[in-house]
PDB file of N, CA and C in Angstrom:
ATOM      1  N   MET A   1       7.155  22.530 -15.085  1.00  0.00           N
ATOM      2  CA  MET A   1       5.978  23.293 -14.756  1.00  0.00           C
ATOM      3  C   MET A   1       6.024  23.730 -13.301  1.00  0.00           C
ATOM      4  N   GLY A   2       6.461  22.859 -12.396  1.00  0.00           N
ATOM      5  CA  GLY A   2       6.505  23.195 -10.988  1.00  0.00           C
ATOM      6  C   GLY A   2       5.196  22.876 -10.287  1.00  0.00           C
ATOM      7  N   PHE A   3       5.190  23.108  -8.994  1.00  0.00           N
ATOM      8  CA  PHE A   3       4.022  22.795  -8.177  1.00  0.00           C
ATOM      9  C   PHE A   3       2.925  23.838  -8.365  1.00  0.00           C
ATOM     10  N   VAL A   4       1.684  23.347  -8.503  1.00  0.00           N
ATOM     11  CA  VAL A   4       0.500  24.189  -8.693  1.00  0.00           C
ATOM     12  C   VAL A   4      -0.529  23.784  -7.651  1.00  0.00           C
ATOM     13  N   LYS A   5      -1.207  24.777  -7.061  1.00  0.00           N
ATOM     14  CA  LYS A   5      -2.221  24.487  -6.051  1.00  0.00           C
ATOM     15  C   LYS A   5      -3.348  23.646  -6.651  1.00  0.00           C
ATOM     16  N   ALA A   6      -3.697  22.564  -5.935  1.00  0.00           N
ATOM     17  CA  ALA A   6      -4.750  21.670  -6.400  1.00  0.00           C
ATOM     18  C   ALA A   6      -5.997  21.747  -5.530  1.00  0.00           C
ATOM     19  N   ALA A   7      -5.821  21.894  -4.214  1.00  0.00           N
ATOM     20  CA  ALA A   7      -6.955  21.885  -3.286  1.00  0.00           C
ATOM     21  C   ALA A   7      -6.469  22.285  -1.903  1.00  0.00           C
ATOM     22  N   LYS A   8      -7.412  22.397  -0.991  1.00  0.00           N
ATOM     23  CA  LYS A   8      -7.082  22.588   0.420  1.00  0.00           C
ATOM     24  C   LYS A   8      -7.100  21.217   1.090  1.00  0.00           C
ATOM     25  N   THR A   9      -6.298  21.051   2.113  1.00  0.00           N
ATOM     26  CA  THR A   9      -6.263  19.762   2.803  1.00  0.00           C
ATOM     27  C   THR A   9      -7.630  19.407   3.386  1.00  0.00           C
ATOM     28  N   SER A  10      -8.378  20.410   3.798  1.00  0.00           N
ATOM     29  CA  SER A  10      -9.708  20.159   4.381  1.00  0.00           C
ATOM     30  C   SER A  10     -10.736  19.719   3.342  1.00  0.00           C
ATOM     31  N   ASP A  11     -10.429  19.882   2.056  1.00  0.00           N
ATOM     32  CA  ASP A  11     -11.337  19.462   0.984  1.00  0.00           C
ATOM     33  C   ASP A  11     -11.374  17.949   0.808  1.00  0.00           C
ATOM     34  N   ILE A  12     -10.344  17.254   1.308  1.00  0.00           N
ATOM     35  CA  ILE A  12     -10.230  15.814   1.074  1.00  0.00           C
ATOM     36  C   ILE A  12     -10.107  15.109   2.425  1.00  0.00           C
ATOM     37  N   ALA A  13     -11.172  14.465   2.827  1.00  0.00           N
ATOM     38  CA  ALA A  13     -11.187  13.751   4.104  1.00  0.00           C
ATOM     39  C   ALA A  13     -10.327  12.492   4.014  1.00  0.00           C
ATOM     40  N   PRO A  14      -9.788  12.018   5.136  1.00  0.00           N
ATOM     41  CA  PRO A  14      -9.037  10.762   5.106  1.00  0.00           C
ATOM     42  C   PRO A  14      -9.871   9.637   4.498  1.00  0.00           C
ATOM     43  N   GLY A  15      -9.220   8.855   3.643  1.00  0.00           N
ATOM     44  CA  GLY A  15      -9.894   7.722   3.011  1.00  0.00           C
ATOM     45  C   GLY A  15     -10.746   8.077   1.816  1.00  0.00           C
ATOM     46  N   THR A  16     -10.565   9.310   1.276  1.00  0.00           N
ATOM     47  CA  THR A  16     -11.353   9.719   0.104  1.00  0.00           C
ATOM     48  C   THR A  16     -10.445  10.186  -1.026  1.00  0.00           C
ATOM     49  N   ILE A  17     -11.051  10.352  -2.170  1.00  0.00           N
ATOM     50  CA  ILE A  17     -10.369  10.832  -3.367  1.00  0.00           C
ATOM     51  C   ILE A  17     -11.304  11.805  -4.063  1.00  0.00           C
ATOM     52  N   ARG A  18     -10.728  12.774  -4.769  1.00  0.00           N
ATOM     53  CA  ARG A  18     -11.567  13.708  -5.528  1.00  0.00           C
ATOM     54  C   ARG A  18     -10.789  14.269  -6.696  1.00  0.00           C
ATOM     55  N   GLU A  19     -11.526  14.775  -7.647  1.00  0.00           N
ATOM     56  CA  GLU A  19     -10.904  15.411  -8.810  1.00  0.00           C
ATOM     57  C   GLU A  19     -10.477  16.825  -8.437  1.00  0.00           C
ATOM     58  N   ALA A  20      -9.337  17.244  -8.985  1.00  0.00           N
ATOM     59  CA  ALA A  20      -8.857  18.606  -8.781  1.00  0.00           C
ATOM     60  C   ALA A  20      -8.233  19.087 -10.085  1.00  0.00           C
ATOM     61  N   GLU A  21      -8.471  20.344 -10.403  1.00  0.00           N
ATOM     62  CA  GLU A  21      -7.884  20.903 -11.621  1.00  0.00           C
ATOM     63  C   GLU A  21      -6.507  21.471 -11.300  1.00  0.00           C
ATOM     64  N   VAL A  22      -5.518  21.028 -12.067  1.00  0.00           N
ATOM     65  CA  VAL A  22      -4.146  21.487 -11.912  1.00  0.00           C
ATOM     66  C   VAL A  22      -3.657  21.928 -13.283  1.00  0.00           C
ATOM     67  N   ALA A  23      -3.445  23.210 -13.433  1.00  0.00           N
ATOM     68  CA  ALA A  23      -2.957  23.766 -14.701  1.00  0.00           C
ATOM     69  C   ALA A  23      -3.821  23.326 -15.883  1.00  0.00           C
ATOM     70  N   GLY A  24      -5.139  23.348 -15.693  1.00  0.00           N
ATOM     71  CA  GLY A  24      -6.067  23.005 -16.764  1.00  0.00           C
ATOM     72  C   GLY A  24      -6.285  21.523 -16.973  1.00  0.00           C
ATOM     73  N   GLN A  25      -5.686  20.686 -16.142  1.00  0.00           N
ATOM     74  CA  GLN A  25      -5.814  19.234 -16.282  1.00  0.00           C
ATOM     75  C   GLN A  25      -6.433  18.664 -15.005  1.00  0.00           C
ATOM     76  N   LEU A  26      -7.376  17.734 -15.149  1.00  0.00           N
ATOM     77  CA  LEU A  26      -7.957  17.081 -13.977  1.00  0.00           C
ATOM     78  C   LEU A  26      -7.035  15.966 -13.500  1.00  0.00           C
ATOM     79  N   VAL A  27      -6.757  15.969 -12.199  1.00  0.00           N
ATOM     80  CA  VAL A  27      -6.014  14.894 -11.558  1.00  0.00           C
ATOM     81  C   VAL A  27      -6.869  14.356 -10.418  1.00  0.00           C
ATOM     82  N   ALA A  28      -6.517  13.176  -9.944  1.00  0.00           N
ATOM     83  CA  ALA A  28      -7.212  12.581  -8.804  1.00  0.00           C
ATOM     84  C   ALA A  28      -6.303  12.734  -7.589  1.00  0.00           C
ATOM     85  N   VAL A  29      -6.792  13.420  -6.562  1.00  0.00           N
ATOM     86  CA  VAL A  29      -6.021  13.625  -5.338  1.00  0.00           C
ATOM     87  C   VAL A  29      -6.679  12.802  -4.227  1.00  0.00           C
ATOM     88  N   ALA A  30      -5.884  11.938  -3.611  1.00  0.00           N
ATOM     89  CA  ALA A  30      -6.383  11.033  -2.577  1.00  0.00           C
ATOM     90  C   ALA A  30      -5.696  11.315  -1.252  1.00  0.00           C
ATOM     91  N   ARG A  31      -6.393  10.974  -0.179  1.00  0.00           N
ATOM     92  CA  ARG A  31      -5.823  11.100   1.165  1.00  0.00           C
ATOM     93  C   ARG A  31      -5.867   9.740   1.831  1.00  0.00           C
ATOM     94  N   VAL A  32      -4.686   9.228   2.123  1.00  0.00           N
ATOM     95  CA  VAL A  32      -4.549   7.953   2.826  1.00  0.00           C
ATOM     96  C   VAL A  32      -3.944   8.285   4.185  1.00  0.00           C
ATOM     97  N   GLY A  33      -4.758   8.223   5.213  1.00  0.00           N
ATOM     98  CA  GLY A  33      -4.318   8.685   6.533  1.00  0.00           C
ATOM     99  C   GLY A  33      -4.071  10.182   6.472  1.00  0.00           C
ATOM    100  N   ASP A  34      -2.863  10.596   6.807  1.00  0.00           N
ATOM    101  CA  ASP A  34      -2.510  12.010   6.733  1.00  0.00           C
ATOM    102  C   ASP A  34      -1.659  12.338   5.513  1.00  0.00           C
ATOM    103  N   LYS A  35      -1.493  11.389   4.598  1.00  0.00           N
ATOM    104  CA  LYS A  35      -0.678  11.612   3.396  1.00  0.00           C
ATOM    105  C   LYS A  35      -1.565  11.797   2.177  1.00  0.00           C
ATOM    106  N   PHE A  36      -1.138  12.695   1.309  1.00  0.00           N
ATOM    107  CA  PHE A  36      -1.868  12.990   0.081  1.00  0.00           C
ATOM    108  C   PHE A  36      -1.100  12.437  -1.111  1.00  0.00           C
ATOM    109  N   HIS A  37      -1.850  11.961  -2.099  1.00  0.00           N
ATOM    110  CA  HIS A  37      -1.267  11.380  -3.308  1.00  0.00           C
ATOM    111  C   HIS A  37      -2.038  11.901  -4.512  1.00  0.00           C
ATOM    112  N   ALA A  38      -1.338  12.082  -5.623  1.00  0.00           N
ATOM    113  CA  ALA A  38      -1.993  12.541  -6.849  1.00  0.00           C
ATOM    114  C   ALA A  38      -1.646  11.595  -7.992  1.00  0.00           C
ATOM    115  N   ILE A  39      -2.689  11.172  -8.698  1.00  0.00           N
ATOM    116  CA  ILE A  39      -2.514  10.298  -9.856  1.00  0.00           C
ATOM    117  C   ILE A  39      -3.343  10.855 -11.015  1.00  0.00           C
ATOM    118  N   SER A  40      -3.098  10.314 -12.190  1.00  0.00           N
ATOM    119  CA  SER A  40      -3.918  10.678 -13.350  1.00  0.00           C
ATOM    120  C   SER A  40      -5.374  10.385 -13.030  1.00  0.00           C
ATOM    121  N   ASN A  41      -6.256  11.205 -13.515  1.00  0.00           N
ATOM    122  CA  ASN A  41      -7.689  11.021 -13.282  1.00  0.00           C
ATOM    123  C   ASN A  41      -8.312  10.047 -14.275  1.00  0.00           C
ATOM    124  N   VAL A  42      -7.542   9.582 -15.251  1.00  0.00           N
ATOM    125  CA  VAL A  42      -8.086   8.794 -16.361  1.00  0.00           C
ATOM    126  C   VAL A  42      -7.731   7.313 -16.213  1.00  0.00           C
ATOM    127  N   CYS A  43      -8.751   6.488 -16.011  1.00  0.00           N
ATOM    128  CA  CYS A  43      -8.567   5.043 -15.911  1.00  0.00           C
ATOM    129  C   CYS A  43      -8.037   4.489 -17.235  1.00  0.00           C
ATOM    130  N   LEU A  44      -7.140   3.516 -17.132  1.00  0.00           N
ATOM    131  CA  LEU A  44      -6.553   2.906 -18.331  1.00  0.00           C
ATOM    132  C   LEU A  44      -7.551   2.081 -19.134  1.00  0.00           C
ATOM    133  N   HIS A  45      -8.597   1.593 -18.495  1.00  0.00           N
ATOM    134  CA  HIS A  45      -9.529   0.700 -19.164  1.00  0.00           C
ATOM    135  C   HIS A  45     -10.377   1.419 -20.209  1.00  0.00           C
ATOM    136  N   ARG A  46     -11.175   2.368 -19.784  1.00  0.00           N
ATOM    137  CA  ARG A  46     -12.050   3.089 -20.715  1.00  0.00           C
ATOM    138  C   ARG A  46     -12.117   4.575 -20.421  1.00  0.00           C
ATOM    139  N   GLY A  47     -11.125   5.091 -19.679  1.00  0.00           N
ATOM    140  CA  GLY A  47     -11.072   6.524 -19.433  1.00  0.00           C
ATOM    141  C   GLY A  47     -11.958   7.027 -18.316  1.00  0.00           C
ATOM    142  N   GLY A  48     -12.396   6.137 -17.454  1.00  0.00           N
ATOM    143  CA  GLY A  48     -13.253   6.543 -16.340  1.00  0.00           C
ATOM    144  C   GLY A  48     -12.554   7.522 -15.406  1.00  0.00           C
ATOM    145  N   PRO A  49     -13.319   8.326 -14.662  1.00  0.00           N
ATOM    146  CA  PRO A  49     -12.775   9.348 -13.771  1.00  0.00           C
ATOM    147  C   PRO A  49     -12.376   8.772 -12.407  1.00  0.00           C
ATOM    148  N   LEU A  50     -11.104   8.504 -12.203  1.00  0.00           N
ATOM    149  CA  LEU A  50     -10.646   7.898 -10.956  1.00  0.00           C
ATOM    150  C   LEU A  50     -10.949   8.771  -9.743  1.00  0.00           C
ATOM    151  N   GLY A  51     -10.963  10.085  -9.935  1.00  0.00           N
ATOM    152  CA  GLY A  51     -11.262  11.000  -8.839  1.00  0.00           C
ATOM    153  C   GLY A  51     -12.691  10.913  -8.347  1.00  0.00           C
ATOM    154  N   GLN A  52     -13.538  10.162  -9.050  1.00  0.00           N
ATOM    155  CA  GLN A  52     -14.916   9.939  -8.622  1.00  0.00           C
ATOM    156  C   GLN A  52     -15.102   8.529  -8.064  1.00  0.00           C
ATOM    157  N   GLY A  53     -13.974   7.812  -7.932  1.00  0.00           N
ATOM    158  CA  GLY A  53     -14.030   6.439  -7.450  1.00  0.00           C
ATOM    159  C   GLY A  53     -14.175   6.338  -5.948  1.00  0.00           C
ATOM    160  N   VAL A  54     -14.185   5.094  -5.481  1.00  0.00           N
ATOM    161  CA  VAL A  54     -14.310   4.796  -4.056  1.00  0.00           C
ATOM    162  C   VAL A  54     -12.970   4.262  -3.567  1.00  0.00           C
ATOM    163  N   MET A  55     -12.548   4.766  -2.401  1.00  0.00           N
ATOM    164  CA  MET A  55     -11.279   4.339  -1.817  1.00  0.00           C
ATOM    165  C   MET A  55     -11.496   3.204  -0.820  1.00  0.00           C
ATOM    166  N   ASP A  56     -10.520   2.295  -0.787  1.00  0.00           N
ATOM    167  CA  ASP A  56     -10.446   1.248   0.237  1.00  0.00           C
ATOM    168  C   ASP A  56      -8.975   1.153   0.604  1.00  0.00           C
ATOM    169  N   GLY A  57      -8.598   1.756   1.719  1.00  0.00           N
ATOM    170  CA  GLY A  57      -7.177   1.848   2.060  1.00  0.00           C
ATOM    171  C   GLY A  57      -6.487   2.754   1.053  1.00  0.00           C
ATOM    172  N   ALA A  58      -5.466   2.235   0.380  1.00  0.00           N
ATOM    173  CA  ALA A  58      -4.736   3.010  -0.629  1.00  0.00           C
ATOM    174  C   ALA A  58      -5.177   2.674  -2.044  1.00  0.00           C
ATOM    175  N   VAL A  59      -6.298   1.974  -2.183  1.00  0.00           N
ATOM    176  CA  VAL A  59      -6.766   1.534  -3.497  1.00  0.00           C
ATOM    177  C   VAL A  59      -8.052   2.260  -3.874  1.00  0.00           C
ATOM    178  N   VAL A  60      -8.056   2.828  -5.084  1.00  0.00           N
ATOM    179  CA  VAL A  60      -9.261   3.457  -5.614  1.00  0.00           C
ATOM    180  C   VAL A  60      -9.850   2.534  -6.676  1.00  0.00           C
ATOM    181  N   THR A  61     -11.170   2.416  -6.668  1.00  0.00           N
ATOM    182  CA  THR A  61     -11.869   1.616  -7.671  1.00  0.00           C
ATOM    183  C   THR A  61     -12.549   2.562  -8.642  1.00  0.00           C
ATOM    184  N   CYS A  62     -12.261   2.400  -9.921  1.00  0.00           N
ATOM    185  CA  CYS A  62     -12.865   3.231 -10.959  1.00  0.00           C
ATOM    186  C   CYS A  62     -14.385   3.041 -10.940  1.00  0.00           C
ATOM    187  N   PRO A  63     -15.134   4.142 -10.970  1.00  0.00           N
ATOM    188  CA  PRO A  63     -16.595   4.025 -10.889  1.00  0.00           C
ATOM    189  C   PRO A  63     -17.245   3.446 -12.144  1.00  0.00           C
ATOM    190  N   TRP A  64     -16.524   3.382 -13.249  1.00  0.00           N
ATOM    191  CA  TRP A  64     -17.139   2.888 -14.483  1.00  0.00           C
ATOM    192  C   TRP A  64     -17.120   1.367 -14.602  1.00  0.00           C
ATOM    193  N   HIS A  65     -15.946   0.747 -14.434  1.00  0.00           N
ATOM    194  CA  HIS A  65     -15.856  -0.693 -14.675  1.00  0.00           C
ATOM    195  C   HIS A  65     -15.067  -1.459 -13.626  1.00  0.00           C
ATOM    196  N   GLY A  66     -14.769  -0.802 -12.486  1.00  0.00           N
ATOM    197  CA  GLY A  66     -14.193  -1.523 -11.370  1.00  0.00           C
ATOM    198  C   GLY A  66     -12.694  -1.759 -11.378  1.00  0.00           C
ATOM    199  N   TRP A  67     -11.960  -1.175 -12.317  1.00  0.00           N
ATOM    200  CA  TRP A  67     -10.505  -1.336 -12.271  1.00  0.00           C
ATOM    201  C   TRP A  67      -9.992  -0.677 -11.003  1.00  0.00           C
ATOM    202  N   GLN A  68      -8.953  -1.266 -10.417  1.00  0.00           N
ATOM    203  CA  GLN A  68      -8.433  -0.757  -9.152  1.00  0.00           C
ATOM    204  C   GLN A  68      -6.979  -0.308  -9.293  1.00  0.00           C
ATOM    205  N   PHE A  69      -6.684   0.826  -8.641  1.00  0.00           N
ATOM    206  CA  PHE A  69      -5.354   1.424  -8.714  1.00  0.00           C
ATOM    207  C   PHE A  69      -4.863   1.768  -7.312  1.00  0.00           C
ATOM    208  N   ASP A  70      -3.580   1.519  -7.070  1.00  0.00           N
ATOM    209  CA  ASP A  70      -2.936   1.920  -5.818  1.00  0.00           C
ATOM    210  C   ASP A  70      -2.575   3.397  -5.970  1.00  0.00           C
ATOM    211  N   VAL A  71      -3.149   4.265  -5.146  1.00  0.00           N
ATOM    212  CA  VAL A  71      -2.918   5.704  -5.301  1.00  0.00           C
ATOM    213  C   VAL A  71      -1.511   6.115  -4.890  1.00  0.00           C
ATOM    214  N   THR A  72      -0.790   5.257  -4.178  1.00  0.00           N
ATOM    215  CA  THR A  72       0.568   5.603  -3.773  1.00  0.00           C
ATOM    216  C   THR A  72       1.573   5.392  -4.897  1.00  0.00           C
ATOM    217  N   SER A  73       1.221   4.561  -5.875  1.00  0.00           N
ATOM    218  CA  SER A  73       2.138   4.260  -6.980  1.00  0.00           C
ATOM    219  C   SER A  73       1.512   4.455  -8.358  1.00  0.00           C
ATOM    220  N   GLY A  74       0.186   4.518  -8.422  1.00  0.00           N
ATOM    221  CA  GLY A  74      -0.515   4.599  -9.702  1.00  0.00           C
ATOM    222  C   GLY A  74      -0.696   3.251 -10.376  1.00  0.00           C
ATOM    223  N   ARG A  75      -0.152   2.194  -9.802  1.00  0.00           N
ATOM    224  CA  ARG A  75      -0.188   0.861 -10.417  1.00  0.00           C
ATOM    225  C   ARG A  75      -1.560   0.201 -10.312  1.00  0.00           C
ATOM    226  N   VAL A  76      -1.902  -0.567 -11.353  1.00  0.00           N
ATOM    227  CA  VAL A  76      -3.130  -1.358 -11.344  1.00  0.00           C
ATOM    228  C   VAL A  76      -2.959  -2.462 -10.309  1.00  0.00           C
ATOM    229  N   SER A  77      -3.917  -2.604  -9.431  1.00  0.00           N
ATOM    230  CA  SER A  77      -3.809  -3.587  -8.350  1.00  0.00           C
ATOM    231  C   SER A  77      -3.670  -5.008  -8.872  1.00  0.00           C
ATOM    232  N   GLN A  78      -4.358  -5.341  -9.949  1.00  0.00           N
ATOM    233  CA  GLN A  78      -4.348  -6.702 -10.479  1.00  0.00           C
ATOM    234  C   GLN A  78      -3.143  -6.982 -11.377  1.00  0.00           C
ATOM    235  N   ASN A  79      -2.415  -5.948 -11.810  1.00  0.00           N
ATOM    236  CA  ASN A  79      -1.269  -6.122 -12.700  1.00  0.00           C
ATOM    237  C   ASN A  79      -0.277  -4.995 -12.436  1.00  0.00           C
ATOM    238  N   GLN A  80       0.686  -5.229 -11.570  1.00  0.00           N
ATOM    239  CA  GLN A  80       1.621  -4.194 -11.136  1.00  0.00           C
ATOM    240  C   GLN A  80       2.584  -3.714 -12.232  1.00  0.00           C
ATOM    241  N   THR A  81       2.516  -4.288 -13.428  1.00  0.00           N
ATOM    242  CA  THR A  81       3.411  -3.850 -14.505  1.00  0.00           C
ATOM    243  C   THR A  81       2.865  -2.650 -15.264  1.00  0.00           C
ATOM    244  N   VAL A  82       1.606  -2.286 -15.033  1.00  0.00           N
ATOM    245  CA  VAL A  82       1.016  -1.125 -15.710  1.00  0.00           C
ATOM    246  C   VAL A  82       0.363  -0.206 -14.683  1.00  0.00           C
ATOM    247  N   GLY A  83       0.207   1.055 -15.075  1.00  0.00           N
ATOM    248  CA  GLY A  83      -0.427   1.995 -14.159  1.00  0.00           C
ATOM    249  C   GLY A  83      -0.610   3.353 -14.795  1.00  0.00           C
ATOM    250  N   VAL A  84      -1.184   4.254 -14.023  1.00  0.00           N
ATOM    251  CA  VAL A  84      -1.394   5.631 -14.452  1.00  0.00           C
ATOM    252  C   VAL A  84      -0.281   6.503 -13.870  1.00  0.00           C
ATOM    253  N   ALA A  85      -0.148   7.701 -14.392  1.00  0.00           N
ATOM    254  CA  ALA A  85       0.873   8.622 -13.898  1.00  0.00           C
ATOM    255  C   ALA A  85       0.629   8.952 -12.428  1.00  0.00           C
ATOM    256  N   CYS A  86       1.708   9.075 -11.696  1.00  0.00           N
ATOM    257  CA  CYS A  86       1.686   9.425 -10.283  1.00  0.00           C
ATOM    258  C   CYS A  86       2.503  10.708 -10.146  1.00  0.00           C
ATOM    259  N   TYR A  87       1.953  11.724  -9.488  1.00  0.00           N
ATOM    260  CA  TYR A  87       2.582  13.040  -9.444  1.00  0.00           C
ATOM    261  C   TYR A  87       3.070  13.395  -8.041  1.00  0.00           C
ATOM    262  N   PRO A  88       4.186  14.137  -7.962  1.00  0.00           N
ATOM    263  CA  PRO A  88       4.670  14.606  -6.660  1.00  0.00           C
ATOM    264  C   PRO A  88       3.677  15.574  -6.015  1.00  0.00           C
ATOM    265  N   VAL A  89       3.560  15.479  -4.689  1.00  0.00           N
ATOM    266  CA  VAL A  89       2.644  16.323  -3.921  1.00  0.00           C
ATOM    267  C   VAL A  89       3.436  17.024  -2.819  1.00  0.00           C
ATOM    268  N   GLU A  90       3.110  18.290  -2.595  1.00  0.00           N
ATOM    269  CA  GLU A  90       3.660  19.056  -1.473  1.00  0.00           C
ATOM    270  C   GLU A  90       2.512  19.669  -0.700  1.00  0.00           C
ATOM    271  N   ILE A  91       2.636  19.680   0.617  1.00  0.00           N
ATOM    272  CA  ILE A  91       1.650  20.355   1.465  1.00  0.00           C
ATOM    273  C   ILE A  91       2.309  21.638   1.964  1.00  0.00           C
ATOM    274  N   ARG A  92       1.626  22.749   1.747  1.00  0.00           N
ATOM    275  CA  ARG A  92       2.106  24.055   2.210  1.00  0.00           C
ATOM    276  C   ARG A  92       0.994  24.661   3.060  1.00  0.00           C
ATOM    277  N   GLY A  93       1.203  24.614   4.362  1.00  0.00           N
ATOM    278  CA  GLY A  93       0.143  25.081   5.258  1.00  0.00           C
ATOM    279  C   GLY A  93      -1.059  24.180   5.139  1.00  0.00           C
ATOM    280  N   ASP A  94      -2.188  24.746   4.684  1.00  0.00           N
ATOM    281  CA  ASP A  94      -3.405  23.948   4.512  1.00  0.00           C
ATOM    282  C   ASP A  94      -3.747  23.742   3.041  1.00  0.00           C
ATOM    283  N   GLU A  95      -2.742  23.860   2.172  1.00  0.00           N
ATOM    284  CA  GLU A  95      -2.975  23.715   0.730  1.00  0.00           C
ATOM    285  C   GLU A  95      -2.153  22.569   0.147  1.00  0.00           C
ATOM    286  N   ILE A  96      -2.743  21.905  -0.845  1.00  0.00           N
ATOM    287  CA  ILE A  96      -2.106  20.789  -1.538  1.00  0.00           C
ATOM    288  C   ILE A  96      -1.613  21.295  -2.890  1.00  0.00           C
ATOM    289  N   PHE A  97      -0.342  21.052  -3.170  1.00  0.00           N
ATOM    290  CA  PHE A  97       0.243  21.430  -4.451  1.00  0.00           C
ATOM    291  C   PHE A  97       0.703  20.161  -5.171  1.00  0.00           C
ATOM    292  N   VAL A  98       0.494  20.132  -6.493  1.00  0.00           N
ATOM    293  CA  VAL A  98       0.843  18.978  -7.309  1.00  0.00           C
ATOM    294  C   VAL A  98       1.741  19.449  -8.450  1.00  0.00           C
ATOM    295  N   ASP A  99       2.759  18.641  -8.760  1.00  0.00           N
ATOM    296  CA  ASP A  99       3.669  18.930  -9.872  1.00  0.00           C
ATOM    297  C   ASP A  99       3.412  17.928 -10.992  1.00  0.00           C
ATOM    298  N   LEU A 100       2.851  18.405 -12.102  1.00  0.00           N
ATOM    299  CA  LEU A 100       2.560  17.524 -13.243  1.00  0.00           C
ATOM    300  C   LEU A 100       3.804  17.219 -14.069  1.00  0.00           C
ATOM    301  N   GLY A 101       4.910  17.890 -13.728  1.00  0.00           N
ATOM    302  CA  GLY A 101       6.175  17.619 -14.436  1.00  0.00           C
ATOM    303  C   GLY A 101       6.164  18.253 -15.753  1.00  0.00           C
TER     304      GLY A 101
END
């Protein structure tokens, strides 16, 4: 599929996460310091929207039932053997591009 524009860098403040539509699919785009990360927006537990969660460092907490995911790897914080999809991110100027593969 290749890289598709997801958002502007100014749309996502450091330490936050938000939902972004990429090729008709919602993904969760997070900013940890000056680095951007994209993961699946769907929590493994009950499908909660990770892009609406709260960030603490590199960890997002699902707003529905509290499951936590490392946005740099997509892995569940409490069980590193499972996780959500993690997508490549490119910054071009002031725009964030995500490759869903």
